[in-house]
């Protein structure tokens, strides 16, 4: 999900409001005027549209596993396809509207729980790394030859896991320089480390409160410390250079970048038990300045009835002839589980 880091020079202060056809909503209140104890929609200059032209495949077994879905999404830099996970299955969405397609493999349906994924090699026969928290490992799967293998299958044998308990990875990302997979052991040790080399090991429970997900941004590691409501930026030595508190102390699950714009989906926001709580927030920041650009609450804004908790939010830039023509957000919801797409206009597509 982090491979299309497209350079964006303009800031939102100089952006025009782009016209958009379809069922969108407008919010006059600027982001800074939010005074409620929970996150409410404040779209600022941006507009959003419920992209109902994309749907999950009609599959009874898939629907059963969707109820307990966690899931994450990533974009194939070769084909531009969007991939998302439900249970241990992978669904592909192409730019052409319509239902997604379940990738065929010989594994028993539903085995494992792919909490997150990252594309290793794109194309019509892609390969992936998956963070499988139910089987306590990182799995590599190649759809070209049908082969798969597991990384860190016995984490307890590694010295730095001596007192950490089981390895329960919640995310996996590709390092922008080395190309190695990095695991985010959110449900286990809260360590973040190079799975392939197993030498660079950062974090732990003293630094992160559930290192649920993250990304690489300009060769630095960005980690969502979900329980503390912080997003931490680490240098290549593992030193925390910045702790950024998400607006209103929400619980950030993951962060994804489109150029300099960060997308932060939250499991829940403050005052989640309030009768007026509109559902989990998703924040868009201009990351270099940490300026809050927009707040989305998809359960209320788009009537996503199962959008009470955002488990993952990922950018999907659609590229035609080498240019980004449209920009979408892929939402994976948890408890109840669901998957939806929303189109956004107003950001520079450069």
Protein backbone atom coordinates (compact mmCIF):
# COMPACT_ATOMS: atom_id res chain seq x y z
CA UNK A 1 0.00 0.00 0.00
CA UNK A 2 2.97 2.27 0.22
CA UNK A 3 4.56 1.99 -3.19
CA UNK A 4 2.82 4.80 -5.05
CA UNK A 5 4.45 7.68 -3.19
CA UNK A 6 3.62 10.30 -5.78
CA UNK A 7 5.27 13.70 -5.34
CA UNK A 8 2.74 16.38 -4.49
CA UNK A 9 3.98 19.94 -4.23
CA UNK A 10 0.72 21.82 -3.71
CA UNK A 11 -0.90 22.13 -0.33
CA UNK A 12 -4.60 22.12 0.37
CA UNK A 13 -4.60 25.86 1.07
CA UNK A 14 -4.39 26.58 -2.66
CA UNK A 15 -6.58 23.78 -3.95
CA UNK A 16 -9.83 24.56 -5.71
CA UNK A 17 -12.90 22.57 -4.87
CA UNK A 18 -13.24 20.12 -7.72
CA UNK A 19 -16.66 19.51 -9.19
CA UNK A 20 -17.88 15.94 -8.97
CA UNK A 21 -21.00 14.26 -10.18
CA UNK A 22 -22.87 11.70 -8.16
CA UNK A 23 -24.06 11.22 -4.61
CA UNK A 24 -21.64 13.32 -2.61
CA UNK A 25 -22.11 15.39 0.51
CA UNK A 26 -20.81 18.79 1.54
CA UNK A 27 -19.86 20.04 4.98
CA UNK A 28 -19.56 23.78 5.51
CA UNK A 29 -17.91 23.64 8.93
CA UNK A 30 -14.11 23.84 8.68
CA UNK A 31 -12.10 21.15 10.42
CA UNK A 32 -10.84 23.54 13.11
CA UNK A 33 -14.40 24.26 14.29
CA UNK A 34 -15.01 20.76 15.67
CA UNK A 35 -16.00 21.08 19.33
CA UNK A 36 -17.87 17.85 19.99
CA UNK A 37 -16.21 15.23 22.23
CA UNK A 38 -16.11 12.79 19.34
CA UNK A 39 -14.97 13.07 15.73
CA UNK A 40 -17.58 14.34 13.30
CA UNK A 41 -17.34 14.89 9.57
CA UNK A 42 -15.53 18.00 8.42
CA UNK A 43 -14.58 17.62 4.82
CA UNK A 44 -13.02 21.00 4.22
CA UNK A 45 -12.08 21.42 0.54
CA UNK A 46 -12.56 17.75 -0.28
CA UNK A 47 -15.56 15.88 -1.63
CA UNK A 48 -16.34 12.19 -1.24
CA UNK A 49 -18.60 9.75 -3.03
CA UNK A 50 -19.74 6.28 -2.04
CA UNK A 51 -18.27 4.12 -4.85
CA UNK A 52 -21.08 1.58 -5.01
CA UNK A 53 -19.97 0.49 -8.49
CA UNK A 54 -17.39 -1.73 -6.74
CA UNK A 55 -18.74 -4.66 -4.74
CA UNK A 56 -17.48 -7.81 -3.09
CA UNK A 57 -18.00 -11.04 -5.06
CA UNK A 58 -21.22 -12.89 -4.33
CA UNK A 59 -19.80 -15.85 -2.44
CA UNK A 60 -21.55 -17.55 0.49
CA UNK A 61 -18.35 -18.71 2.18
CA UNK A 62 -16.77 -15.28 1.81
CA UNK A 63 -19.83 -13.67 3.39
CA UNK A 64 -19.44 -15.99 6.37
CA UNK A 65 -15.82 -15.03 6.97
CA UNK A 66 -16.56 -11.36 6.36
CA UNK A 67 -18.46 -11.19 9.65
CA UNK A 68 -15.18 -11.50 11.56
CA UNK A 69 -13.09 -9.64 9.02
CA UNK A 70 -9.96 -7.71 9.93
CA UNK A 71 -8.18 -7.21 6.64
CA UNK A 72 -6.01 -4.72 4.85
CA UNK A 73 -5.46 -3.50 1.28
CA UNK A 74 -2.59 -2.81 -1.09
CA UNK A 75 -2.17 -1.61 -4.68
CA UNK A 76 -0.30 -3.50 -7.39
CA UNK A 77 2.17 -0.99 -8.89
CA UNK A 78 2.26 -2.94 -12.18
CA UNK A 79 -1.42 -3.48 -12.98
CA UNK A 80 -2.93 -0.82 -10.71
CA UNK A 81 -5.28 -3.43 -9.23
CA UNK A 82 -6.39 -3.17 -5.61
CA UNK A 83 -6.06 -6.24 -3.39
CA UNK A 84 -7.76 -6.76 -0.06
CA UNK A 85 -7.93 -9.66 2.38
CA UNK A 86 -10.87 -11.36 4.07
CA UNK A 87 -10.01 -14.31 6.27
CA UNK A 88 -7.23 -16.07 4.36
CA UNK A 89 -8.59 -15.08 0.95
CA UNK A 90 -7.43 -12.32 -1.36
CA UNK A 91 -9.84 -10.29 -3.52
CA UNK A 92 -8.75 -8.29 -6.55
CA UNK A 93 -10.47 -5.14 -7.83
CA UNK A 94 -9.62 -3.74 -11.25
CA UNK A 95 -10.27 -0.19 -12.39
CA UNK A 96 -13.28 -1.35 -14.41
CA UNK A 97 -16.36 -1.23 -12.20
CA UNK A 98 -17.90 -4.44 -10.93
CA UNK A 99 -17.48 -7.09 -8.26
CA UNK A 100 -14.04 -8.12 -7.07
CA UNK A 101 -12.58 -11.52 -7.92
CA UNK A 102 -11.30 -14.04 -5.35
CA UNK A 103 -7.82 -15.28 -6.24
CA UNK A 104 -7.83 -19.04 -6.65
CA UNK A 105 -5.46 -21.20 -4.65
CA UNK A 106 -5.40 -24.62 -3.10
CA UNK A 107 -5.61 -23.62 0.55
CA UNK A 108 -8.62 -24.52 2.61
CA UNK A 109 -10.93 -21.53 2.59
CA UNK A 110 -10.81 -19.47 5.76
CA UNK A 111 -7.64 -21.03 7.14
CA UNK A 112 -5.66 -18.36 8.91
CA UNK A 113 -6.43 -14.69 9.29
CA UNK A 114 -4.61 -12.31 6.97
CA UNK A 115 -4.61 -9.22 9.15
CA UNK A 116 -2.71 -7.26 6.52
CA UNK A 117 -0.84 -7.70 3.24
CA UNK A 118 1.73 -6.11 1.00
CA UNK A 119 2.42 -6.76 -2.68
CA UNK A 120 5.92 -8.16 -3.25
CA UNK A 121 5.79 -8.61 -7.02
CA UNK A 122 3.02 -7.16 -9.14
CA UNK A 123 1.52 -8.31 -12.40
CA UNK A 124 -1.14 -10.77 -13.47
CA UNK A 125 0.42 -13.43 -11.22
CA UNK A 126 1.40 -11.42 -8.14
CA UNK A 127 3.08 -12.45 -4.91
CA UNK A 128 2.40 -11.18 -1.41
CA UNK A 129 3.44 -11.17 2.20
CA UNK A 130 0.60 -11.62 4.69
CA UNK A 131 0.57 -10.97 8.43
CA UNK A 132 -1.30 -14.01 9.77
CA UNK A 133 -2.03 -13.43 13.44
CA UNK A 134 -4.05 -16.62 13.92
CA UNK A 135 -1.13 -18.83 12.81
CA UNK A 136 1.48 -16.54 14.38
CA UNK A 137 3.60 -16.02 11.28
CA UNK A 138 4.30 -13.99 8.16
CA UNK A 139 3.29 -15.92 5.05
CA UNK A 140 4.65 -15.47 1.54
CA UNK A 141 2.44 -16.60 -1.31
CA UNK A 142 3.30 -16.59 -5.00
CA UNK A 143 0.35 -16.90 -7.35
CA UNK A 144 2.65 -17.48 -10.34
CA UNK A 145 3.80 -20.92 -9.17
CA UNK A 146 1.29 -21.55 -6.39
CA UNK A 147 4.04 -21.89 -3.80
CA UNK A 148 4.09 -20.42 -0.32
CA UNK A 149 6.39 -20.41 2.66
CA UNK A 150 6.32 -19.03 6.19
CA UNK A 151 8.61 -16.58 7.93
CA UNK A 152 9.11 -16.47 11.70
CA UNK A 153 7.15 -19.70 12.28
CA UNK A 154 8.83 -20.14 15.70
CA UNK A 155 9.24 -16.64 17.05
CA UNK A 156 9.53 -17.88 20.62
CA UNK A 157 12.94 -19.31 19.74
CA UNK A 158 14.30 -15.88 18.83
CA UNK A 159 16.08 -14.24 21.81
CA UNK A 160 14.18 -10.95 21.74
CA UNK A 161 10.87 -12.85 21.98
CA UNK A 162 11.88 -14.67 25.18
CA UNK A 163 9.34 -12.82 27.31
CA UNK A 164 7.12 -11.49 24.58
CA UNK A 165 4.72 -14.39 24.25
CA UNK A 166 3.37 -15.58 20.92
CA UNK A 167 4.11 -13.77 17.68
CA UNK A 168 0.81 -12.13 16.65
CA UNK A 169 1.58 -9.92 13.62
CA UNK A 170 -1.06 -7.40 12.60
CA UNK A 171 0.72 -5.80 9.63
CA UNK A 172 3.59 -6.35 7.21
CA UNK A 173 5.29 -3.77 5.00
CA UNK A 174 8.16 -3.68 2.50
CA UNK A 175 11.18 -1.57 3.48
CA UNK A 176 11.67 1.12 0.84
CA UNK A 177 15.46 0.66 0.73
CA UNK A 178 16.17 -3.02 1.41
CA UNK A 179 13.01 -4.55 -0.03
CA UNK A 180 12.77 -6.78 3.06
CA UNK A 181 9.43 -7.47 4.76
CA UNK A 182 8.95 -5.88 8.17
CA UNK A 183 6.47 -7.24 10.71
CA UNK A 184 4.35 -5.22 13.11
CA UNK A 185 3.75 -7.53 16.07
CA UNK A 186 0.75 -5.59 17.31
CA UNK A 187 -1.05 -8.35 19.18
CA UNK A 188 2.16 -9.81 20.59
CA UNK A 189 5.33 -8.02 21.62
CA UNK A 190 4.59 -4.65 19.89
CA UNK A 191 8.01 -5.06 18.27
CA UNK A 192 8.56 -3.93 14.68
CA UNK A 193 11.38 -5.77 12.94
CA UNK A 194 12.98 -6.99 9.73
CA UNK A 195 11.46 -10.45 9.23
CA UNK A 196 14.03 -11.56 6.68
CA UNK A 197 17.22 -10.50 8.47
CA UNK A 198 15.85 -10.51 12.04
CA UNK A 199 18.57 -8.08 13.09
CA UNK A 200 16.88 -4.69 13.15
CA UNK A 201 14.33 -4.82 15.97
CA UNK A 202 12.57 -1.66 17.14
CA UNK A 203 9.94 -0.73 19.68
CA UNK A 204 8.27 -3.08 22.11
CA UNK A 205 5.62 -2.49 24.73
CA UNK A 206 7.65 0.21 26.49
CA UNK A 207 7.51 2.34 23.34
CA UNK A 208 4.29 1.32 21.60
CA UNK A 209 0.85 0.52 22.91
CA UNK A 210 -0.13 -2.05 20.27
CA UNK A 211 2.02 -1.43 17.18
CA UNK A 212 -0.97 -2.34 15.05
CA UNK A 213 0.21 -1.05 11.67
CA UNK A 214 2.40 1.37 9.87
CA UNK A 215 4.30 2.30 6.76
CA UNK A 216 7.57 3.62 5.39
CA UNK A 217 7.58 7.30 4.49
CA UNK A 218 10.68 8.83 2.89
CA UNK A 219 12.78 5.95 4.23
CA UNK A 220 11.56 6.41 7.78
CA UNK A 221 9.41 3.97 9.68
CA UNK A 222 5.99 5.24 10.75
CA UNK A 223 4.21 3.19 13.42
CA UNK A 224 0.65 3.48 14.73
CA UNK A 225 0.64 3.03 18.49
CA UNK A 226 -3.05 2.33 18.65
CA UNK A 227 -3.63 2.25 22.39
CA UNK A 228 -1.84 5.54 23.08
CA UNK A 229 -3.42 7.29 20.07
CA UNK A 230 -0.01 8.17 18.65
CA UNK A 231 1.77 7.85 15.34
CA UNK A 232 5.52 7.50 15.85
CA UNK A 233 8.22 8.26 13.30
CA UNK A 234 11.48 6.32 13.66
CA UNK A 235 14.80 6.83 11.93
CA UNK A 236 16.86 3.96 10.51
CA UNK A 237 18.52 3.47 13.91
CA UNK A 238 15.16 2.78 15.52
CA UNK A 239 15.12 6.06 17.42
CA UNK A 240 11.73 7.75 17.77
CA UNK A 241 12.05 11.21 16.23
CA UNK A 242 8.43 12.24 16.63
CA UNK A 243 5.31 11.24 18.53
CA UNK A 244 2.25 12.70 16.87
CA UNK A 245 -1.05 12.50 18.76
CA UNK A 246 -3.97 11.83 16.46
CA UNK A 247 -6.79 14.37 16.68
CA UNK A 248 -8.98 13.85 19.74
CA UNK A 249 -6.93 10.84 20.84
CA UNK A 250 -8.54 8.36 18.49
CA UNK A 251 -7.18 4.81 18.15
CA UNK A 252 -5.20 4.75 14.86
CA UNK A 253 -5.01 1.29 13.33
CA UNK A 254 -2.86 2.02 10.30
CA UNK A 255 -1.44 4.79 8.14
CA UNK A 256 -1.11 4.95 4.35
CA UNK A 257 0.51 7.60 2.14
CA UNK A 258 -0.42 9.14 -1.19
CA UNK A 259 2.44 11.50 -1.81
CA UNK A 260 2.57 13.74 1.26
CA UNK A 261 -1.01 12.98 2.28
CA UNK A 262 -1.56 10.50 5.09
CA UNK A 263 -4.70 8.43 5.56
CA UNK A 264 -5.34 7.30 9.13
CA UNK A 265 -8.21 4.90 9.83
CA UNK A 266 -9.19 4.50 13.49
CA UNK A 267 -10.73 1.58 15.30
CA UNK A 268 -12.75 3.96 17.42
CA UNK A 269 -12.87 7.58 18.42
CA UNK A 270 -13.31 9.25 21.82
CA UNK A 271 -16.73 9.05 23.44
CA UNK A 272 -17.50 5.90 21.46
CA UNK A 273 -20.26 5.06 23.94
CA UNK A 274 -21.98 8.40 23.41
CA UNK A 275 -25.46 7.99 21.93
CA UNK A 276 -24.57 10.55 19.25
CA UNK A 277 -21.30 8.86 18.29
CA UNK A 278 -21.33 8.68 14.46
CA UNK A 279 -18.86 5.80 14.03
CA UNK A 280 -15.10 5.55 13.73
CA UNK A 281 -13.24 8.48 12.19
CA UNK A 282 -10.77 8.47 9.33
CA UNK A 283 -8.35 11.40 9.15
CA UNK A 284 -6.48 12.87 6.18
CA UNK A 285 -3.36 14.86 7.06
CA UNK A 286 -0.82 16.81 5.04
CA UNK A 287 1.95 14.86 6.69
CA UNK A 288 4.96 17.23 6.50
CA UNK A 289 2.99 19.97 8.28
CA UNK A 290 0.61 17.65 10.21
CA UNK A 291 -2.22 19.84 9.00
CA UNK A 292 -5.58 18.11 9.32
CA UNK A 293 -7.19 18.25 5.88
CA UNK A 294 -10.38 16.28 6.39
CA UNK A 295 -12.31 14.03 8.76
CA UNK A 296 -14.55 11.26 7.43
CA UNK A 297 -17.00 9.15 9.40
CA UNK A 298 -18.06 6.59 6.79
CA UNK A 299 -20.74 4.91 8.89
CA UNK A 300 -22.69 8.17 9.00
CA UNK A 301 -21.46 9.93 5.87
CA UNK A 302 -22.09 7.06 3.46
CA UNK A 303 -24.54 4.95 5.46
CA UNK A 304 -21.99 2.15 5.78
CA UNK A 305 -24.00 0.34 8.42
CA UNK A 306 -21.11 -1.98 9.33
CA UNK A 307 -18.59 0.86 9.55
CA UNK A 308 -18.59 1.17 13.33
CA UNK A 309 -14.87 0.30 13.53
CA UNK A 310 -12.31 1.06 10.82
CA UNK A 311 -9.66 -1.63 10.81
CA UNK A 312 -7.81 -0.42 7.74
CA UNK A 313 -8.01 2.50 5.31
CA UNK A 314 -5.82 2.52 2.20
CA UNK A 315 -5.41 4.81 -0.80
CA UNK A 316 -6.21 3.44 -4.25
CA UNK A 317 -4.87 5.80 -6.93
CA UNK A 318 -6.18 4.66 -10.30
CA UNK A 319 -3.52 5.10 -12.97
CA UNK A 320 -4.32 5.39 -16.70
CA UNK A 321 -1.49 5.90 -19.21
CA UNK A 322 0.91 6.71 -16.41
CA UNK A 323 -1.30 9.34 -14.77
CA UNK A 324 -3.51 9.17 -11.70
CA UNK A 325 -7.02 9.88 -12.94
CA UNK A 326 -9.06 9.04 -9.84
CA UNK A 327 -8.40 8.49 -6.16
CA UNK A 328 -10.28 6.11 -3.86
CA UNK A 329 -10.15 5.02 -0.24
CA UNK A 330 -10.56 1.33 0.58
CA UNK A 331 -12.19 0.74 3.98
CA UNK A 332 -11.96 -2.58 5.84
CA UNK A 333 -14.40 -2.66 8.75
CA UNK A 334 -14.25 -4.91 11.82
CA UNK A 335 -16.94 -6.17 14.17
CA UNK A 336 -19.12 -6.19 12.14
CA UNK A 337 -16.91 -6.83 9.15
CA UNK A 338 -17.31 -5.26 5.74
CA UNK A 339 -15.40 -3.73 2.82
CA UNK A 340 -16.32 -0.53 0.97
CA UNK A 341 -14.77 1.95 -1.44
CA UNK A 342 -15.16 5.74 -1.43
CA UNK A 343 -13.95 8.17 -4.10
CA UNK A 344 -12.28 11.42 -3.05
CA UNK A 345 -11.79 14.57 -5.14
CA UNK A 346 -9.97 17.72 -4.18
CA UNK A 347 -6.43 16.39 -3.75
CA UNK A 348 -3.91 17.06 -6.53
CA UNK A 349 -3.55 13.94 -8.70
CA UNK A 350 0.09 14.38 -9.67
